[in-house]
Amino acid sequence: MIESIRVHKLDEHGQEVWSYPAEVLDQNPSFLRLEARFDRNDIAVGSLLLRENDRFIETFFFNRWYNIFEVFDGENERFKGWYCNITRPAWIEGAHLYAEDLALDLVVTPDGRFEILDQDEFDQLEISEEDRLQALRALHLLQEQALSSSGIFEDHTEV
């Protein structure tokens, strides 16, 4: 298993938008779990404030149309919530991981409330109907899991 990797966030056309280093925590044929630090200026994404140096535990799937980031405060390690990207399945080439973002995001708070972000942007994407359907299925699955506090959302539910 590789110890570190470079993550490449791509747009829906495969063009790089952002890249950053991460440490590999776990890997199997279905997913790669990483740890990374937020290396951008502070930004609010819905109700979630991402601050420079926040710690992310990121799970990228090779067979699912999303990735999930668990976000922890960079100063006190307090769990802040989950940030979920709707993406095409990720892939690895050497020490590089690639994920094509499809605009839709789901933010889930520690108490299970959630909000969908960037629906308008998603609606404007020039993607195939199959990709659009897969993305909406992924969003629906994540919403169901958030509502039932199941899957990854069963952890960190203390408030």
N, C-alpha and C. Protein backbone atom coordinates (compact mmCIF):
# COMPACT_ATOMS: atom_id res chain seq x y z
N MET A 1 0.84 -1.19 0.00
CA MET A 1 0.00 0.00 0.00
C MET A 1 0.89 1.25 0.00
N ILE A 2 0.52 2.22 -0.82
CA ILE A 2 1.27 3.47 -0.85
C ILE A 2 0.96 4.27 0.40
N GLU A 3 1.90 5.10 0.83
CA GLU A 3 1.72 5.87 2.06
C GLU A 3 1.18 7.26 1.83
N SER A 4 1.54 7.87 0.70
CA SER A 4 1.03 9.21 0.40
C SER A 4 0.61 9.26 -1.06
N ILE A 5 -0.25 10.21 -1.34
CA ILE A 5 -0.84 10.30 -2.67
C ILE A 5 -1.16 11.76 -2.96
N ARG A 6 -1.29 12.08 -4.21
CA ARG A 6 -1.73 13.42 -4.61
C ARG A 6 -3.15 13.27 -5.14
N VAL A 7 -4.07 14.06 -4.57
CA VAL A 7 -5.47 14.03 -4.98
C VAL A 7 -5.68 15.11 -6.03
N HIS A 8 -6.35 14.74 -7.12
CA HIS A 8 -6.65 15.69 -8.19
C HIS A 8 -8.16 15.79 -8.33
N LYS A 9 -8.70 16.95 -7.99
CA LYS A 9 -10.12 17.20 -8.18
C LYS A 9 -10.28 17.73 -9.60
N LEU A 10 -11.09 17.04 -10.38
CA LEU A 10 -11.31 17.40 -11.78
C LEU A 10 -12.74 17.89 -11.95
N ASP A 11 -12.96 18.70 -12.99
CA ASP A 11 -14.34 19.07 -13.29
C ASP A 11 -14.99 17.95 -14.11
N GLU A 12 -16.21 18.16 -14.54
CA GLU A 12 -16.96 17.12 -15.26
C GLU A 12 -16.35 16.77 -16.61
N HIS A 13 -15.45 17.64 -17.12
CA HIS A 13 -14.77 17.39 -18.40
C HIS A 13 -13.37 16.80 -18.22
N GLY A 14 -12.99 16.52 -16.97
CA GLY A 14 -11.68 15.95 -16.70
C GLY A 14 -10.56 16.96 -16.57
N GLN A 15 -10.90 18.25 -16.47
CA GLN A 15 -9.90 19.30 -16.31
C GLN A 15 -9.62 19.52 -14.82
N GLU A 16 -8.34 19.61 -14.47
CA GLU A 16 -7.98 19.77 -13.06
C GLU A 16 -8.42 21.13 -12.54
N VAL A 17 -9.03 21.10 -11.35
CA VAL A 17 -9.49 22.30 -10.66
C VAL A 17 -8.60 22.59 -9.46
N TRP A 18 -8.10 21.51 -8.81
CA TRP A 18 -7.37 21.66 -7.56
C TRP A 18 -6.65 20.36 -7.30
N SER A 19 -5.49 20.43 -6.69
CA SER A 19 -4.82 19.21 -6.24
C SER A 19 -4.14 19.48 -4.91
N TYR A 20 -3.94 18.42 -4.16
CA TYR A 20 -3.35 18.55 -2.82
C TYR A 20 -2.79 17.20 -2.39
N PRO A 21 -1.83 17.22 -1.45
CA PRO A 21 -1.25 15.97 -0.95
C PRO A 21 -2.12 15.38 0.16
N ALA A 22 -2.05 14.06 0.31
CA ALA A 22 -2.78 13.37 1.38
C ALA A 22 -2.01 12.13 1.79
N GLU A 23 -2.28 11.69 3.02
CA GLU A 23 -1.69 10.46 3.53
C GLU A 23 -2.72 9.34 3.45
N VAL A 24 -2.28 8.17 3.04
CA VAL A 24 -3.18 7.02 2.91
C VAL A 24 -3.37 6.37 4.27
N LEU A 25 -4.62 6.20 4.67
CA LEU A 25 -4.96 5.55 5.93
C LEU A 25 -5.40 4.10 5.74
N ASP A 26 -6.13 3.85 4.66
CA ASP A 26 -6.68 2.52 4.42
C ASP A 26 -7.02 2.39 2.94
N GLN A 27 -6.96 1.17 2.44
CA GLN A 27 -7.26 0.95 1.03
C GLN A 27 -7.73 -0.48 0.84
N ASN A 28 -8.71 -0.65 -0.05
CA ASN A 28 -9.10 -1.97 -0.52
C ASN A 28 -9.55 -1.80 -1.96
N PRO A 29 -9.99 -2.84 -2.63
CA PRO A 29 -10.36 -2.69 -4.04
C PRO A 29 -11.53 -1.72 -4.28
N SER A 30 -12.32 -1.40 -3.25
CA SER A 30 -13.48 -0.54 -3.42
C SER A 30 -13.26 0.91 -3.06
N PHE A 31 -12.30 1.18 -2.16
CA PHE A 31 -12.13 2.56 -1.70
C PHE A 31 -10.70 2.85 -1.27
N LEU A 32 -10.44 4.15 -1.11
CA LEU A 32 -9.18 4.64 -0.56
C LEU A 32 -9.55 5.67 0.49
N ARG A 33 -9.05 5.51 1.71
CA ARG A 33 -9.31 6.47 2.79
C ARG A 33 -8.03 7.25 3.05
N LEU A 34 -8.16 8.57 3.10
CA LEU A 34 -7.01 9.46 3.20
C LEU A 34 -7.18 10.44 4.35
N GLU A 35 -6.07 11.04 4.74
CA GLU A 35 -6.09 12.17 5.66
C GLU A 35 -5.40 13.33 4.97
N ALA A 36 -6.05 14.48 5.01
CA ALA A 36 -5.49 15.68 4.38
C ALA A 36 -5.83 16.89 5.23
N ARG A 37 -5.11 17.97 5.00
CA ARG A 37 -5.38 19.24 5.66
C ARG A 37 -5.91 20.23 4.62
N PHE A 38 -6.92 20.98 5.02
CA PHE A 38 -7.50 21.99 4.12
C PHE A 38 -6.45 23.07 3.91
N ASP A 39 -6.06 23.28 2.65
CA ASP A 39 -4.95 24.19 2.35
C ASP A 39 -5.40 25.44 1.60
N ARG A 40 -6.63 25.85 1.83
CA ARG A 40 -7.16 27.04 1.18
C ARG A 40 -7.64 28.02 2.23
N ASN A 41 -7.99 29.22 1.79
CA ASN A 41 -8.55 30.21 2.70
C ASN A 41 -9.90 29.71 3.22
N ASP A 42 -10.29 30.22 4.37
CA ASP A 42 -11.56 29.84 4.99
C ASP A 42 -12.71 30.09 4.01
N ILE A 43 -13.67 29.16 4.00
CA ILE A 43 -14.82 29.29 3.12
C ILE A 43 -16.02 28.57 3.76
N ALA A 44 -17.18 29.18 3.64
CA ALA A 44 -18.41 28.54 4.11
C ALA A 44 -19.01 27.77 2.95
N VAL A 45 -19.31 26.50 3.19
CA VAL A 45 -20.03 25.67 2.21
C VAL A 45 -21.32 25.27 2.90
N GLY A 46 -22.38 25.97 2.58
CA GLY A 46 -23.62 25.79 3.31
C GLY A 46 -23.38 26.16 4.76
N SER A 47 -23.79 25.30 5.67
CA SER A 47 -23.64 25.57 7.10
C SER A 47 -22.28 25.14 7.65
N LEU A 48 -21.42 24.61 6.79
CA LEU A 48 -20.12 24.09 7.22
C LEU A 48 -19.03 25.11 6.89
N LEU A 49 -18.34 25.58 7.92
CA LEU A 49 -17.22 26.50 7.72
C LEU A 49 -15.94 25.69 7.63
N LEU A 50 -15.32 25.71 6.44
CA LEU A 50 -14.03 25.05 6.24
C LEU A 50 -12.95 26.08 6.48
N ARG A 51 -12.04 25.75 7.39
CA ARG A 51 -10.97 26.69 7.73
C ARG A 51 -9.62 26.09 7.36
N GLU A 52 -8.71 26.97 7.03
CA GLU A 52 -7.36 26.53 6.71
C GLU A 52 -6.83 25.65 7.85
N ASN A 53 -6.28 24.51 7.49
CA ASN A 53 -5.70 23.51 8.38
C ASN A 53 -6.73 22.59 9.04
N ASP A 54 -8.02 22.69 8.69
CA ASP A 54 -8.97 21.68 9.15
C ASP A 54 -8.49 20.32 8.66
N ARG A 55 -8.76 19.28 9.47
CA ARG A 55 -8.35 17.92 9.12
C ARG A 55 -9.52 17.21 8.46
N PHE A 56 -9.24 16.61 7.32
CA PHE A 56 -10.24 15.87 6.56
C PHE A 56 -9.86 14.40 6.53
N ILE A 57 -10.81 13.53 6.85
CA ILE A 57 -10.67 12.10 6.59
C ILE A 57 -11.55 11.86 5.36
N GLU A 58 -10.92 11.54 4.25
CA GLU A 58 -11.58 11.50 2.95
C GLU A 58 -11.68 10.06 2.46
N THR A 59 -12.87 9.66 2.05
CA THR A 59 -13.06 8.33 1.50
C THR A 59 -13.50 8.47 0.05
N PHE A 60 -12.66 7.97 -0.84
CA PHE A 60 -12.92 7.97 -2.28
C PHE A 60 -13.27 6.54 -2.68
N PHE A 61 -14.33 6.40 -3.46
CA PHE A 61 -14.79 5.09 -3.88
C PHE A 61 -14.50 4.88 -5.36
N PHE A 62 -14.14 3.65 -5.70
CA PHE A 62 -13.85 3.30 -7.08
C PHE A 62 -15.07 2.73 -7.79
N ASN A 63 -16.15 2.51 -7.03
CA ASN A 63 -17.35 1.90 -7.58
C ASN A 63 -18.63 2.66 -7.17
N ARG A 64 -18.48 3.84 -6.64
CA ARG A 64 -19.63 4.65 -6.22
C ARG A 64 -19.48 6.06 -6.80
N TRP A 65 -20.60 6.75 -6.92
CA TRP A 65 -20.63 8.07 -7.55
C TRP A 65 -20.59 9.19 -6.52
N TYR A 66 -19.75 9.03 -5.51
CA TYR A 66 -19.57 10.07 -4.51
C TYR A 66 -18.29 9.83 -3.73
N ASN A 67 -17.86 10.85 -3.01
CA ASN A 67 -16.83 10.71 -2.01
C ASN A 67 -17.31 11.45 -0.76
N ILE A 68 -16.77 11.07 0.38
CA ILE A 68 -17.23 11.62 1.65
C ILE A 68 -16.03 12.09 2.46
N PHE A 69 -16.11 13.33 2.93
CA PHE A 69 -15.07 13.90 3.77
C PHE A 69 -15.63 14.12 5.17
N GLU A 70 -14.98 13.57 6.17
CA GLU A 70 -15.29 13.87 7.57
C GLU A 70 -14.40 15.06 7.94
N VAL A 71 -14.99 16.13 8.45
CA VAL A 71 -14.26 17.37 8.68
C VAL A 71 -14.10 17.62 10.18
N PHE A 72 -12.85 17.85 10.60
CA PHE A 72 -12.52 18.13 11.99
C PHE A 72 -11.83 19.47 12.08
N ASP A 73 -12.15 20.24 13.12
CA ASP A 73 -11.55 21.54 13.33
C ASP A 73 -10.04 21.39 13.47
N GLY A 74 -9.29 22.24 12.77
CA GLY A 74 -7.84 22.16 12.78
C GLY A 74 -7.21 22.56 14.09
N GLU A 75 -7.94 23.30 14.93
CA GLU A 75 -7.38 23.75 16.21
C GLU A 75 -7.71 22.82 17.37
N ASN A 76 -8.97 22.37 17.45
CA ASN A 76 -9.37 21.59 18.63
C ASN A 76 -9.86 20.18 18.31
N GLU A 77 -9.82 19.78 17.02
CA GLU A 77 -10.22 18.44 16.57
C GLU A 77 -11.71 18.15 16.75
N ARG A 78 -12.52 19.17 17.03
CA ARG A 78 -13.97 18.98 17.14
C ARG A 78 -14.52 18.55 15.79
N PHE A 79 -15.38 17.53 15.80
CA PHE A 79 -16.01 17.07 14.56
C PHE A 79 -17.00 18.12 14.09
N LYS A 80 -16.87 18.55 12.83
CA LYS A 80 -17.70 19.62 12.29
C LYS A 80 -18.83 19.11 11.40
N GLY A 81 -18.64 17.96 10.77
CA GLY A 81 -19.66 17.42 9.89
C GLY A 81 -19.05 16.70 8.71
N TRP A 82 -19.92 16.30 7.80
CA TRP A 82 -19.51 15.60 6.59
C TRP A 82 -19.76 16.48 5.37
N TYR A 83 -18.83 16.42 4.45
CA TYR A 83 -18.96 17.10 3.17
C TYR A 83 -18.89 16.01 2.10
N CYS A 84 -19.97 15.86 1.35
CA CYS A 84 -20.06 14.79 0.36
C CYS A 84 -20.10 15.39 -1.04
N ASN A 85 -19.22 14.94 -1.88
CA ASN A 85 -19.18 15.35 -3.28
C ASN A 85 -19.83 14.28 -4.14
N ILE A 86 -20.69 14.69 -5.04
CA ILE A 86 -21.21 13.76 -6.04
C ILE A 86 -20.21 13.79 -7.19
N THR A 87 -19.65 12.63 -7.51
CA THR A 87 -18.58 12.53 -8.50
C THR A 87 -18.75 11.25 -9.31
N ARG A 88 -18.04 11.19 -10.40
CA ARG A 88 -17.89 9.89 -11.05
C ARG A 88 -16.96 9.05 -10.17
N PRO A 89 -17.00 7.72 -10.29
CA PRO A 89 -16.09 6.91 -9.47
C PRO A 89 -14.63 7.34 -9.66
N ALA A 90 -13.91 7.34 -8.55
CA ALA A 90 -12.50 7.76 -8.54
C ALA A 90 -11.62 6.68 -9.17
N TRP A 91 -10.41 7.06 -9.53
CA TRP A 91 -9.43 6.08 -10.01
C TRP A 91 -8.03 6.53 -9.59
N ILE A 92 -7.13 5.54 -9.57
CA ILE A 92 -5.74 5.78 -9.17
C ILE A 92 -4.83 5.48 -10.35
N GLU A 93 -3.84 6.34 -10.53
CA GLU A 93 -2.73 6.10 -11.46
C GLU A 93 -1.45 6.39 -10.70
N GLY A 94 -0.71 5.34 -10.37
CA GLY A 94 0.51 5.50 -9.58
C GLY A 94 0.17 6.08 -8.22
N ALA A 95 0.82 7.20 -7.87
CA ALA A 95 0.58 7.85 -6.58
C ALA A 95 -0.35 9.05 -6.74
N HIS A 96 -1.29 8.94 -7.68
CA HIS A 96 -2.24 10.02 -7.95
C HIS A 96 -3.66 9.46 -7.95
N LEU A 97 -4.55 10.15 -7.27
CA LEU A 97 -5.96 9.78 -7.25
C LEU A 97 -6.74 10.87 -7.98
N TYR A 98 -7.68 10.46 -8.82
CA TYR A 98 -8.47 11.40 -9.63
C TYR A 98 -9.96 11.21 -9.34
N ALA A 99 -10.66 12.33 -9.23
CA ALA A 99 -12.12 12.31 -9.04
C ALA A 99 -12.73 13.44 -9.85
N GLU A 100 -13.70 13.10 -10.70
CA GLU A 100 -14.39 14.10 -11.53
C GLU A 100 -15.66 14.56 -10.82
N ASP A 101 -15.63 15.79 -10.36
CA ASP A 101 -16.72 16.38 -9.59
C ASP A 101 -17.89 16.73 -10.49
N LEU A 102 -19.11 16.42 -10.02
CA LEU A 102 -20.33 16.71 -10.79
C LEU A 102 -21.17 17.79 -10.11
N ALA A 103 -20.52 18.70 -9.42
CA ALA A 103 -21.10 19.92 -8.85
C ALA A 103 -21.95 19.69 -7.60
N LEU A 104 -22.84 18.72 -7.59
CA LEU A 104 -23.72 18.51 -6.44
C LEU A 104 -22.92 18.16 -5.20
N ASP A 105 -23.31 18.77 -4.08
CA ASP A 105 -22.68 18.47 -2.80
C ASP A 105 -23.77 18.27 -1.76
N LEU A 106 -23.46 17.49 -0.75
CA LEU A 106 -24.35 17.30 0.38
C LEU A 106 -23.53 17.57 1.64
N VAL A 107 -24.00 18.49 2.46
CA VAL A 107 -23.37 18.77 3.75
C VAL A 107 -24.27 18.19 4.82
N VAL A 108 -23.68 17.41 5.74
CA VAL A 108 -24.44 16.78 6.82
C VAL A 108 -23.81 17.23 8.14
N THR A 109 -24.64 17.75 9.03
CA THR A 109 -24.17 18.20 10.33
C THR A 109 -24.08 17.02 11.30
N PRO A 110 -23.34 17.18 12.40
CA PRO A 110 -23.21 16.07 13.35
C PRO A 110 -24.56 15.58 13.90
N ASP A 111 -25.57 16.44 13.92
CA ASP A 111 -26.88 16.01 14.43
C ASP A 111 -27.78 15.44 13.34
N GLY A 112 -27.24 15.25 12.12
CA GLY A 112 -27.97 14.58 11.05
C GLY A 112 -28.73 15.48 10.10
N ARG A 113 -28.76 16.79 10.35
CA ARG A 113 -29.41 17.68 9.38
C ARG A 113 -28.53 17.76 8.14
N PHE A 114 -29.16 17.97 6.98
CA PHE A 114 -28.36 18.06 5.77
C PHE A 114 -28.92 19.09 4.82
N GLU A 115 -28.06 19.51 3.91
CA GLU A 115 -28.46 20.46 2.87
C GLU A 115 -27.75 20.11 1.56
N ILE A 116 -28.48 20.28 0.47
CA ILE A 116 -27.94 20.04 -0.86
C ILE A 116 -27.40 21.36 -1.39
N LEU A 117 -26.20 21.32 -1.93
CA LEU A 117 -25.56 22.52 -2.47
C LEU A 117 -25.33 22.37 -3.98
N ASP A 118 -25.37 23.48 -4.68
CA ASP A 118 -25.00 23.58 -6.09
C ASP A 118 -25.91 22.83 -7.05
N GLN A 119 -27.19 22.71 -6.69
CA GLN A 119 -28.16 22.07 -7.58
C GLN A 119 -28.25 22.80 -8.92
N ASP A 120 -28.27 24.14 -8.88
CA ASP A 120 -28.35 24.92 -10.13
C ASP A 120 -27.15 24.65 -11.04
N GLU A 121 -25.98 24.59 -10.43
CA GLU A 121 -24.76 24.31 -11.21
C GLU A 121 -24.83 22.92 -11.83
N PHE A 122 -25.30 21.94 -11.06
CA PHE A 122 -25.45 20.58 -11.57
C PHE A 122 -26.42 20.55 -12.75
N ASP A 123 -27.54 21.25 -12.61
CA ASP A 123 -28.56 21.26 -13.67
C ASP A 123 -28.01 21.80 -14.99
N GLN A 124 -26.97 22.64 -14.92
CA GLN A 124 -26.40 23.25 -16.12
C GLN A 124 -25.26 22.42 -16.73
N LEU A 125 -24.80 21.38 -16.04
CA LEU A 125 -23.69 20.57 -16.56
C LEU A 125 -24.07 19.90 -17.87
N GLU A 126 -23.11 19.86 -18.78
CA GLU A 126 -23.30 19.14 -20.04
C GLU A 126 -22.71 17.74 -19.87
N ILE A 127 -23.55 16.87 -19.29
CA ILE A 127 -23.14 15.49 -19.06
C ILE A 127 -24.22 14.58 -19.64
N SER A 128 -23.89 13.31 -19.79
CA SER A 128 -24.84 12.36 -20.35
C SER A 128 -26.02 12.15 -19.39
N GLU A 129 -27.12 11.69 -19.94
CA GLU A 129 -28.28 11.40 -19.10
C GLU A 129 -27.96 10.27 -18.12
N GLU A 130 -27.14 9.31 -18.54
CA GLU A 130 -26.74 8.23 -17.63
C GLU A 130 -25.93 8.78 -16.46
N ASP A 131 -24.98 9.68 -16.73
CA ASP A 131 -24.21 10.29 -15.65
C ASP A 131 -25.12 11.09 -14.72
N ARG A 132 -26.06 11.81 -15.29
CA ARG A 132 -27.00 12.61 -14.49
C ARG A 132 -27.82 11.69 -13.58
N LEU A 133 -28.30 10.59 -14.12
CA LEU A 133 -29.08 9.64 -13.34
C LEU A 133 -28.24 9.02 -12.22
N GLN A 134 -27.01 8.62 -12.54
CA GLN A 134 -26.11 8.05 -11.52
C GLN A 134 -25.85 9.05 -10.40
N ALA A 135 -25.63 10.31 -10.76
CA ALA A 135 -25.37 11.36 -9.77
C ALA A 135 -26.57 11.54 -8.85
N LEU A 136 -27.77 11.59 -9.42
CA LEU A 136 -28.98 11.77 -8.61
C LEU A 136 -29.24 10.56 -7.72
N ARG A 137 -28.94 9.37 -8.21
CA ARG A 137 -29.06 8.16 -7.37
C ARG A 137 -28.11 8.23 -6.19
N ALA A 138 -26.89 8.67 -6.45
CA ALA A 138 -25.89 8.79 -5.38
C ALA A 138 -26.35 9.80 -4.33
N LEU A 139 -26.84 10.94 -4.77
CA LEU A 139 -27.34 11.96 -3.85
C LEU A 139 -28.48 11.40 -3.01
N HIS A 140 -29.41 10.71 -3.64
CA HIS A 140 -30.56 10.15 -2.93
C HIS A 140 -30.10 9.13 -1.88
N LEU A 141 -29.16 8.27 -2.24
CA LEU A 141 -28.63 7.28 -1.29
C LEU A 141 -28.01 7.97 -0.08
N LEU A 142 -27.19 9.00 -0.31
CA LEU A 142 -26.55 9.72 0.79
C LEU A 142 -27.60 10.40 1.68
N GLN A 143 -28.63 10.97 1.07
CA GLN A 143 -29.70 11.60 1.85
C GLN A 143 -30.40 10.56 2.74
N GLU A 144 -30.71 9.40 2.18
CA GLU A 144 -31.36 8.34 2.96
C GLU A 144 -30.48 7.91 4.13
N GLN A 145 -29.18 7.77 3.89
CA GLN A 145 -28.27 7.37 4.96
C GLN A 145 -28.18 8.46 6.03
N ALA A 146 -28.15 9.71 5.62
CA ALA A 146 -28.10 10.81 6.59
C ALA A 146 -29.38 10.83 7.43
N LEU A 147 -30.52 10.64 6.79
CA LEU A 147 -31.80 10.64 7.51
C LEU A 147 -31.88 9.52 8.54
N SER A 148 -31.30 8.38 8.21
CA SER A 148 -31.37 7.21 9.10
C SER A 148 -30.11 7.04 9.96
N SER A 149 -29.18 8.00 9.88
CA SER A 149 -27.91 7.90 10.60
C SER A 149 -27.25 6.55 10.37
N SER A 150 -27.23 6.10 9.11
CA SER A 150 -26.62 4.83 8.77
C SER A 150 -25.41 5.06 7.86
N GLY A 151 -24.73 3.96 7.53
CA GLY A 151 -23.52 4.09 6.72
C GLY A 151 -22.49 4.90 7.48
N ILE A 152 -21.78 5.74 6.79
CA ILE A 152 -20.76 6.57 7.44
C ILE A 152 -21.37 7.55 8.43
N PHE A 153 -22.64 7.87 8.26
CA PHE A 153 -23.29 8.87 9.11
C PHE A 153 -23.71 8.33 10.48
N GLU A 154 -23.40 7.07 10.78
CA GLU A 154 -23.73 6.56 12.11
C GLU A 154 -22.64 6.90 13.12
N ASP A 155 -21.50 7.38 12.66
CA ASP A 155 -20.42 7.82 13.54
C ASP A 155 -20.52 9.32 13.77
N HIS A 156 -19.97 9.80 14.85
CA HIS A 156 -19.88 11.23 15.16
C HIS A 156 -21.23 11.88 15.42
N THR A 157 -22.24 11.13 15.81
CA THR A 157 -23.56 11.74 15.97
C THR A 157 -23.73 12.41 17.34
N GLU A 158 -22.73 12.38 18.17
CA GLU A 158 -22.84 13.10 19.44
C GLU A 158 -22.86 14.59 19.17
N VAL A 159 -23.63 15.32 19.92
CA VAL A 159 -23.75 16.77 19.71
C VAL A 159 -23.28 17.49 20.94
